[in-house]
C-alpha atoms as a PDB file:
ATOM      1  CA  MET A   1       8.361  16.479 -29.822  1.00  0.00           C
ATOM      2  CA  THR A   2       5.640  16.869 -27.195  1.00  0.00           C
ATOM      3  CA  TYR A   3       5.173  14.915 -24.023  1.00  0.00           C
ATOM      4  CA  GLN A   4       1.884  14.118 -22.420  1.00  0.00           C
ATOM      5  CA  SER A   5       1.404  12.985 -18.868  1.00  0.00           C
ATOM      6  CA  SER A   6      -0.982  10.182 -18.098  1.00  0.00           C
ATOM      7  CA  LEU A   7      -2.656   9.183 -14.847  1.00  0.00           C
ATOM      8  CA  PHE A   8      -1.535   5.652 -15.576  1.00  0.00           C
ATOM      9  CA  GLU A   9       2.105   6.748 -15.342  1.00  0.00           C
ATOM     10  CA  TYR A  10       1.659   8.293 -11.892  1.00  0.00           C
ATOM     11  CA  GLU A  11       3.423   6.493  -9.074  1.00  0.00           C
ATOM     12  CA  GLU A  12       2.328   7.218  -5.547  1.00  0.00           C
ATOM     13  CA  ASP A  13       4.999   8.389  -3.092  1.00  0.00           C
ATOM     14  CA  LEU A  14       5.157   5.655  -0.463  1.00  0.00           C
ATOM     15  CA  SER A  15       8.211   7.010   1.359  1.00  0.00           C
ATOM     16  CA  ALA A  16       6.133   7.929   4.431  1.00  0.00           C
ATOM     17  CA  LEU A  17       5.257   4.279   5.056  1.00  0.00           C
ATOM     18  CA  SER A  18       7.135   1.764   7.156  1.00  0.00           C
ATOM     19  CA  ASP A  19       8.568  -1.215   5.275  1.00  0.00           C
ATOM     20  CA  ALA A  20       5.738  -3.470   6.452  1.00  0.00           C
ATOM     21  CA  GLN A  21       3.058  -0.927   5.520  1.00  0.00           C
ATOM     22  CA  ARG A  22       4.607  -0.381   2.084  1.00  0.00           C
ATOM     23  CA  GLU A  23       4.831  -4.113   1.445  1.00  0.00           C
ATOM     24  CA  VAL A  24       1.159  -4.679   2.316  1.00  0.00           C
ATOM     25  CA  TYR A  25      -0.033  -1.559   0.482  1.00  0.00           C
ATOM     26  CA  GLU A  26       1.805  -2.500  -2.701  1.00  0.00           C
ATOM     27  CA  ALA A  27       0.560  -6.090  -2.603  1.00  0.00           C
ATOM     28  CA  VAL A  28      -3.083  -5.355  -1.823  1.00  0.00           C
ATOM     29  CA  VAL A  29      -3.729  -1.990  -3.472  1.00  0.00           C
ATOM     30  CA  GLN A  30      -1.314  -1.999  -6.380  1.00  0.00           C
ATOM     31  CA  ASP A  31      -0.927  -5.698  -7.172  1.00  0.00           C
ATOM     32  CA  GLY A  32      -4.499  -6.754  -6.414  1.00  0.00           C
ATOM     33  CA  TYR A  33      -3.999  -9.382  -3.715  1.00  0.00           C
ATOM     34  CA  GLY A  34      -6.875  -9.908  -1.315  1.00  0.00           C
ATOM     35  CA  MET A  35      -6.002  -9.208   2.325  1.00  0.00           C
ATOM     36  CA  ARG A  36      -6.621 -12.809   3.411  1.00  0.00           C
ATOM     37  CA  GLU A  37      -4.786 -14.169   0.394  1.00  0.00           C
ATOM     38  CA  TYR A  38      -1.784 -11.973   1.154  1.00  0.00           C
ATOM     39  CA  ALA A  39      -1.932 -12.909   4.837  1.00  0.00           C
ATOM     40  CA  ARG A  40      -1.759 -16.614   3.947  1.00  0.00           C
ATOM     41  CA  LYS A  41       1.069 -15.991   1.488  1.00  0.00           C
ATOM     42  CA  THR A  42       3.176 -14.144   4.071  1.00  0.00           C
ATOM     43  CA  GLY A  43       2.233 -16.069   7.205  1.00  0.00           C
ATOM     44  CA  ARG A  44       0.709 -12.988   8.830  1.00  0.00           C
ATOM     45  CA  SER A  45      -2.748 -12.926  10.343  1.00  0.00           C
ATOM     46  CA  ALA A  46      -5.491 -11.272   8.309  1.00  0.00           C
ATOM     47  CA  GLY A  47      -5.931  -8.795  11.180  1.00  0.00           C
ATOM     48  CA  THR A  48      -2.284  -7.758  10.981  1.00  0.00           C
ATOM     49  CA  VAL A  49      -2.496  -7.247   7.226  1.00  0.00           C
ATOM     50  CA  GLY A  50      -5.694  -5.227   7.670  1.00  0.00           C
ATOM     51  CA  ASN A  51      -4.125  -3.058  10.370  1.00  0.00           C
ATOM     52  CA  LEU A  52      -1.022  -2.399   8.275  1.00  0.00           C
ATOM     53  CA  LEU A  53      -3.154  -1.493   5.273  1.00  0.00           C
ATOM     54  CA  ARG A  54      -5.385   0.835   7.313  1.00  0.00           C
ATOM     55  CA  ARG A  55      -2.365   2.598   8.822  1.00  0.00           C
ATOM     56  CA  ALA A  56      -0.748   2.935   5.397  1.00  0.00           C
ATOM     57  CA  ARG A  57      -3.869   4.510   3.937  1.00  0.00           C
ATOM     58  CA  ARG A  58      -4.166   6.916   6.873  1.00  0.00           C
ATOM     59  CA  ARG A  59      -0.537   7.937   6.585  1.00  0.00           C
ATOM     60  CA  LEU A  60      -0.839   8.499   2.833  1.00  0.00           C
ATOM     61  CA  ASP A  61      -3.956  10.606   3.386  1.00  0.00           C
ATOM     62  CA  GLY A  62      -2.011  12.738   5.873  1.00  0.00           C
ATOM     63  CA  GLY A  63      -3.898  11.536   8.923  1.00  0.00           C
ATOM     64  CA  GLU A  64      -1.063   9.818  10.774  1.00  0.00           C
ATOM     65  CA  ALA A  65       2.445  11.064  11.475  1.00  0.00           C
ATOM     66  CA  ALA A  66       5.473   8.914  10.800  1.00  0.00           C
END
């Protein structure tokens, strides 16, 4: 039996993110929520959601320490 890896099976390591950053990143990037939509859903401001998402992306790209 042979096994083949697929890019669709790849799960990004989000362990470097804070809980809030992970929550926003998963909702917006992985689940497809819009930032404003997710902000309304969670009671956060759109600016807060945007900041969390930006910080998460920076951290995942290696540009921001934990």
